[in-house]
Amino acid sequence: MTQTLNLTINGTARAIALDDPRATLLDVLRERIGLTGTKKGCDRGQCGACTVLIDGRRMNACLALALSHDGASITTVEG
């Protein structure tokens, strides 16, 4: 079942169709949108390479489920 994820990423509104509800925000940013500045380091939230701002708050994108942030404003290192 495909679900639509609505995000504002670096000031641009995007609607992303997700096939897997378990996709992390990091995977969506890197693999679906092509913003590779946010890095996949330890994949456990310890190294900080995947840090993004979600509605102005710092968060590890590797630990954040993308669908749980529907409607959020995301700022990556590219932004």
C-alpha atoms as a PDB file:
ATOM      1  CA  MET A   1       0.000   0.000   0.000  1.00  0.00           C
ATOM      2  CA  THR A   2       1.465   3.319  -1.085  1.00  0.00           C
ATOM      3  CA  GLN A   3       1.249   6.296   1.257  1.00  0.00           C
ATOM      4  CA  THR A   4       1.965   9.917   0.417  1.00  0.00           C
ATOM      5  CA  LEU A   5       4.415  11.834   2.568  1.00  0.00           C
ATOM      6  CA  ASN A   6       4.261  15.646   2.405  1.00  0.00           C
ATOM      7  CA  LEU A   7       7.435  17.440   3.489  1.00  0.00           C
ATOM      8  CA  THR A   8       8.983  20.848   3.014  1.00  0.00           C
ATOM      9  CA  ILE A   9      12.653  20.142   2.372  1.00  0.00           C
ATOM     10  CA  ASN A  10      15.063  23.085   2.311  1.00  0.00           C
ATOM     11  CA  GLY A  11      12.131  25.395   1.568  1.00  0.00           C
ATOM     12  CA  THR A  12      10.628  23.294  -1.262  1.00  0.00           C
ATOM     13  CA  ALA A  13       7.317  21.485  -0.762  1.00  0.00           C
ATOM     14  CA  ARG A  14       7.428  17.845  -1.883  1.00  0.00           C
ATOM     15  CA  ALA A  15       4.953  14.987  -2.036  1.00  0.00           C
ATOM     16  CA  ILE A  16       6.697  11.612  -1.882  1.00  0.00           C
ATOM     17  CA  ALA A  17       5.011   8.266  -2.488  1.00  0.00           C
ATOM     18  CA  LEU A  18       6.259   5.680  -0.007  1.00  0.00           C
ATOM     19  CA  ASP A  19       5.842   1.947  -0.556  1.00  0.00           C
ATOM     20  CA  ASP A  20       7.435   0.997   2.772  1.00  0.00           C
ATOM     21  CA  PRO A  21       6.009   2.657   5.910  1.00  0.00           C
ATOM     22  CA  ARG A  22       9.213   1.695   7.758  1.00  0.00           C
ATOM     23  CA  ALA A  23      11.447   3.919   5.603  1.00  0.00           C
ATOM     24  CA  THR A  24      13.661   6.244   7.605  1.00  0.00           C
ATOM     25  CA  LEU A  25      13.907   9.922   6.855  1.00  0.00           C
ATOM     26  CA  LEU A  26      17.564   9.375   5.959  1.00  0.00           C
ATOM     27  CA  ASP A  27      16.687   6.809   3.293  1.00  0.00           C
ATOM     28  CA  VAL A  28      13.992   9.071   1.841  1.00  0.00           C
ATOM     29  CA  LEU A  29      16.368  12.039   1.663  1.00  0.00           C
ATOM     30  CA  ARG A  30      19.242  10.105   0.094  1.00  0.00           C
ATOM     31  CA  GLU A  31      17.539   7.499  -2.104  1.00  0.00           C
ATOM     32  CA  ARG A  32      14.219   9.086  -3.099  1.00  0.00           C
ATOM     33  CA  ILE A  33      15.115  12.777  -3.276  1.00  0.00           C
ATOM     34  CA  GLY A  34      18.840  12.589  -4.057  1.00  0.00           C
ATOM     35  CA  LEU A  35      20.090  14.824  -1.231  1.00  0.00           C
ATOM     36  CA  THR A  36      23.282  12.951  -0.404  1.00  0.00           C
ATOM     37  CA  GLY A  37      24.806  15.585   1.891  1.00  0.00           C
ATOM     38  CA  THR A  38      23.130  13.884   4.839  1.00  0.00           C
ATOM     39  CA  LYS A  39      25.397  10.881   5.396  1.00  0.00           C
ATOM     40  CA  LYS A  40      24.706   7.368   6.604  1.00  0.00           C
ATOM     41  CA  GLY A  41      27.348   6.716   9.235  1.00  0.00           C
ATOM     42  CA  CYS A  42      26.726   4.314  12.101  1.00  0.00           C
ATOM     43  CA  ASP A  43      22.975   3.852  11.368  1.00  0.00           C
ATOM     44  CA  ARG A  44      22.377   3.832  15.157  1.00  0.00           C
ATOM     45  CA  GLY A  45      22.195   7.557  15.935  1.00  0.00           C
ATOM     46  CA  GLN A  46      25.580   7.772  17.639  1.00  0.00           C
ATOM     47  CA  CYS A  47      27.853   9.489  15.100  1.00  0.00           C
ATOM     48  CA  GLY A  48      25.652  12.444  14.080  1.00  0.00           C
ATOM     49  CA  ALA A  49      26.465  12.221  10.353  1.00  0.00           C
ATOM     50  CA  CYS A  50      22.748  12.095   9.529  1.00  0.00           C
ATOM     51  CA  THR A  51      21.695  15.116  11.600  1.00  0.00           C
ATOM     52  CA  VAL A  52      18.956  17.307  10.092  1.00  0.00           C
ATOM     53  CA  LEU A  53      16.645  19.980  11.456  1.00  0.00           C
ATOM     54  CA  ILE A  54      13.007  18.912  11.698  1.00  0.00           C
ATOM     55  CA  ASP A  55      10.783  21.905  12.418  1.00  0.00           C
ATOM     56  CA  GLY A  56      13.855  23.665  13.826  1.00  0.00           C
ATOM     57  CA  ARG A  57      14.883  20.833  16.151  1.00  0.00           C
ATOM     58  CA  ARG A  58      18.032  18.774  15.650  1.00  0.00           C
ATOM     59  CA  MET A  59      17.347  15.081  15.006  1.00  0.00           C
ATOM     60  CA  ASN A  60      19.146  12.008  13.689  1.00  0.00           C
ATOM     61  CA  ALA A  61      17.499  11.146  10.360  1.00  0.00           C
ATOM     62  CA  CYS A  62      18.585   7.491  10.617  1.00  0.00           C
ATOM     63  CA  LEU A  63      16.328   7.025  13.659  1.00  0.00           C
ATOM     64  CA  ALA A  64      13.328   9.014  12.388  1.00  0.00           C
ATOM     65  CA  LEU A  65      10.567   7.178  10.540  1.00  0.00           C
ATOM     66  CA  ALA A  66       9.677   9.346   7.556  1.00  0.00           C
ATOM     67  CA  LEU A  67       5.905   8.922   7.914  1.00  0.00           C
ATOM     68  CA  SER A  68       5.980  10.129  11.514  1.00  0.00           C
ATOM     69  CA  HIS A  69       7.104  13.545  10.236  1.00  0.00           C
ATOM     70  CA  ASP A  70       4.399  14.062   7.615  1.00  0.00           C
ATOM     71  CA  GLY A  71       3.911  17.811   7.103  1.00  0.00           C
ATOM     72  CA  ALA A  72       7.216  18.738   8.742  1.00  0.00           C
ATOM     73  CA  SER A  73       9.786  21.243   7.554  1.00  0.00           C
ATOM     74  CA  ILE A  74      13.190  19.583   7.045  1.00  0.00           C
ATOM     75  CA  THR A  75      16.495  21.424   6.694  1.00  0.00           C
ATOM     76  CA  THR A  76      19.496  19.390   5.532  1.00  0.00           C
ATOM     77  CA  VAL A  77      23.134  20.353   5.170  1.00  0.00           C
ATOM     78  CA  GLU A  78      22.347  21.383   1.577  1.00  0.00           C
ATOM     79  CA  GLY A  79      19.827  23.912   2.885  1.00  0.00           C
END
